[in-house]
Amino acid sequence: MHLKLGHEFDDFIQAQVATGMYGNATEVIRDALRHMKDRQDEKNLENIRALLAVGENQIAKGETVAYGSGLLDRLTKEAVQNSKMGKPVKNEIKPRT
């Protein structure tokens, strides 16, 4: 893979290699990508924690629905109807791919 990063990033990468902390430009880029992934993972965890807090608050307030086949059937029917009407699916309930 060949990347054109521009002079500013090329200079920065070479400066990082020159410090001796990295053996080559690939190591610099891998480390940067690792840090990006770590930040994204942390954001994902924050989102999960926020959704869990919402759920815990709902449970504490008694805002629960008993799970059973009737609930699953109702939710499935509602999802199909919403899909037919073009209603968007909330990101927090979309399956992860």
C-alpha atoms as a PDB file:
ATOM      1  CA  MET A   1       0.000   0.000   0.000  1.00  0.00           C
ATOM      2  CA  HIS A   2       1.332   3.393  -0.929  1.00  0.00           C
ATOM      3  CA  LEU A   3       0.033   6.446   0.909  1.00  0.00           C
ATOM      4  CA  LYS A   4       0.466  10.119   0.102  1.00  0.00           C
ATOM      5  CA  LEU A   5       0.304  11.859   3.451  1.00  0.00           C
ATOM      6  CA  GLY A   6       1.707  15.238   2.554  1.00  0.00           C
ATOM      7  CA  HIS A   7       4.872  16.977   3.650  1.00  0.00           C
ATOM      8  CA  GLU A   8       3.648  17.828   7.139  1.00  0.00           C
ATOM      9  CA  PHE A   9       2.892  14.212   8.047  1.00  0.00           C
ATOM     10  CA  ASP A  10       5.939  12.879   6.206  1.00  0.00           C
ATOM     11  CA  ASP A  11       8.133  15.251   8.210  1.00  0.00           C
ATOM     12  CA  PHE A  12       6.398  14.306  11.451  1.00  0.00           C
ATOM     13  CA  ILE A  13       6.818  10.587  10.782  1.00  0.00           C
ATOM     14  CA  GLN A  14      10.487  10.988   9.928  1.00  0.00           C
ATOM     15  CA  ALA A  15      10.995  13.048  13.094  1.00  0.00           C
ATOM     16  CA  GLN A  16       9.446  10.229  15.137  1.00  0.00           C
ATOM     17  CA  VAL A  17      11.786   7.694  13.520  1.00  0.00           C
ATOM     18  CA  ALA A  18      14.725  10.026  14.182  1.00  0.00           C
ATOM     19  CA  THR A  19      13.972   9.982  17.925  1.00  0.00           C
ATOM     20  CA  GLY A  20      14.843   6.294  17.936  1.00  0.00           C
ATOM     21  CA  MET A  21      11.467   5.306  19.400  1.00  0.00           C
ATOM     22  CA  TYR A  22      10.485   3.724  16.081  1.00  0.00           C
ATOM     23  CA  GLY A  23      12.550   1.696  13.662  1.00  0.00           C
ATOM     24  CA  ASN A  24      10.753   2.938  10.562  1.00  0.00           C
ATOM     25  CA  ALA A  25       7.727   4.822   9.232  1.00  0.00           C
ATOM     26  CA  THR A  26       5.537   1.710   9.312  1.00  0.00           C
ATOM     27  CA  GLU A  27       5.994   1.414  13.075  1.00  0.00           C
ATOM     28  CA  VAL A  28       4.969   5.059  13.521  1.00  0.00           C
ATOM     29  CA  ILE A  29       1.814   4.566  11.474  1.00  0.00           C
ATOM     30  CA  ARG A  30       0.940   1.291  13.240  1.00  0.00           C
ATOM     31  CA  ASP A  31       1.300   2.996  16.607  1.00  0.00           C
ATOM     32  CA  ALA A  32      -0.871   5.907  15.474  1.00  0.00           C
ATOM     33  CA  LEU A  33      -3.548   3.521  14.186  1.00  0.00           C
ATOM     34  CA  ARG A  34      -3.395   1.545  17.440  1.00  0.00           C
ATOM     35  CA  HIS A  35      -4.026   4.770  19.373  1.00  0.00           C
ATOM     36  CA  MET A  36      -6.938   5.650  17.076  1.00  0.00           C
ATOM     37  CA  LYS A  37      -8.452   2.207  17.626  1.00  0.00           C
ATOM     38  CA  ASP A  38      -8.001   2.502  21.396  1.00  0.00           C
ATOM     39  CA  ARG A  39      -9.820   5.863  21.388  1.00  0.00           C
ATOM     40  CA  GLN A  40     -12.656   4.405  19.310  1.00  0.00           C
ATOM     41  CA  ASP A  41     -12.906   1.387  21.623  1.00  0.00           C
ATOM     42  CA  GLU A  42     -13.106   3.729  24.627  1.00  0.00           C
ATOM     43  CA  LYS A  43     -15.879   5.754  22.966  1.00  0.00           C
ATOM     44  CA  ASN A  44     -17.771   2.525  22.288  1.00  0.00           C
ATOM     45  CA  LEU A  45     -17.414   1.515  25.942  1.00  0.00           C
ATOM     46  CA  GLU A  46     -18.663   4.940  27.044  1.00  0.00           C
ATOM     47  CA  ASN A  47     -21.724   4.514  24.819  1.00  0.00           C
ATOM     48  CA  ILE A  48     -22.393   1.054  26.241  1.00  0.00           C
ATOM     49  CA  ARG A  49     -22.043   2.366  29.801  1.00  0.00           C
ATOM     50  CA  ALA A  50     -24.462   5.214  29.043  1.00  0.00           C
ATOM     51  CA  LEU A  51     -27.022   2.795  27.600  1.00  0.00           C
ATOM     52  CA  LEU A  52     -26.613   0.515  30.623  1.00  0.00           C
ATOM     53  CA  ALA A  53     -27.206   3.487  32.930  1.00  0.00           C
ATOM     54  CA  VAL A  54     -30.432   4.277  31.073  1.00  0.00           C
ATOM     55  CA  GLY A  55     -31.536   0.669  31.468  1.00  0.00           C
ATOM     56  CA  GLU A  56     -30.625   0.594  35.156  1.00  0.00           C
ATOM     57  CA  ASN A  57     -32.606   3.797  35.743  1.00  0.00           C
ATOM     58  CA  GLN A  58     -35.602   2.331  33.931  1.00  0.00           C
ATOM     59  CA  ILE A  59     -35.400  -0.810  36.064  1.00  0.00           C
ATOM     60  CA  ALA A  60     -35.155   1.282  39.241  1.00  0.00           C
ATOM     61  CA  LYS A  61     -38.312   3.183  38.196  1.00  0.00           C
ATOM     62  CA  GLY A  62     -40.151  -0.039  37.422  1.00  0.00           C
ATOM     63  CA  GLU A  63     -40.223   0.736  33.709  1.00  0.00           C
ATOM     64  CA  THR A  64     -39.794  -2.871  32.644  1.00  0.00           C
ATOM     65  CA  VAL A  65     -41.564  -5.300  30.352  1.00  0.00           C
ATOM     66  CA  ALA A  66     -41.701  -9.007  31.090  1.00  0.00           C
ATOM     67  CA  TYR A  67     -39.835 -11.018  28.481  1.00  0.00           C
ATOM     68  CA  GLY A  68     -41.725 -13.719  26.653  1.00  0.00           C
ATOM     69  CA  SER A  69     -42.634 -14.929  23.188  1.00  0.00           C
ATOM     70  CA  GLY A  70     -45.438 -12.344  23.041  1.00  0.00           C
ATOM     71  CA  LEU A  71     -42.943  -9.527  23.505  1.00  0.00           C
ATOM     72  CA  LEU A  72     -40.654 -10.872  20.810  1.00  0.00           C
ATOM     73  CA  ASP A  73     -43.588 -11.257  18.405  1.00  0.00           C
ATOM     74  CA  ARG A  74     -44.771  -7.697  19.116  1.00  0.00           C
ATOM     75  CA  LEU A  75     -41.296  -6.227  18.655  1.00  0.00           C
ATOM     76  CA  THR A  76     -40.787  -8.156  15.424  1.00  0.00           C
ATOM     77  CA  LYS A  77     -44.134  -6.955  14.053  1.00  0.00           C
ATOM     78  CA  GLU A  78     -43.329  -3.372  15.075  1.00  0.00           C
ATOM     79  CA  ALA A  79     -39.903  -3.557  13.427  1.00  0.00           C
ATOM     80  CA  VAL A  80     -41.399  -4.851  10.170  1.00  0.00           C
ATOM     81  CA  GLN A  81     -44.038  -2.096  10.167  1.00  0.00           C
ATOM     82  CA  ASN A  82     -41.439   0.583  10.859  1.00  0.00           C
ATOM     83  CA  SER A  83     -39.260  -0.781   8.074  1.00  0.00           C
ATOM     84  CA  LYS A  84     -42.155  -0.680   5.601  1.00  0.00           C
ATOM     85  CA  MET A  85     -42.844   2.944   6.570  1.00  0.00           C
ATOM     86  CA  GLY A  86     -39.175   3.835   6.088  1.00  0.00           C
ATOM     87  CA  LYS A  87     -38.598   4.721   9.734  1.00  0.00           C
ATOM     88  CA  PRO A  88     -34.904   4.635  10.607  1.00  0.00           C
ATOM     89  CA  VAL A  89     -33.628   2.105  13.105  1.00  0.00           C
ATOM     90  CA  LYS A  90     -31.899   3.619  16.119  1.00  0.00           C
ATOM     91  CA  ASN A  91     -28.157   2.965  16.100  1.00  0.00           C
ATOM     92  CA  GLU A  92     -28.196   1.487  19.594  1.00  0.00           C
ATOM     93  CA  ILE A  93     -30.488  -1.358  18.521  1.00  0.00           C
ATOM     94  CA  LYS A  94     -28.894  -2.186  15.185  1.00  0.00           C
ATOM     95  CA  PRO A  95     -27.012  -5.480  15.130  1.00  0.00           C
ATOM     96  CA  ARG A  96     -23.234  -5.163  15.166  1.00  0.00           C
ATOM     97  CA  THR A  97     -21.446  -6.419  12.084  1.00  0.00           C
END
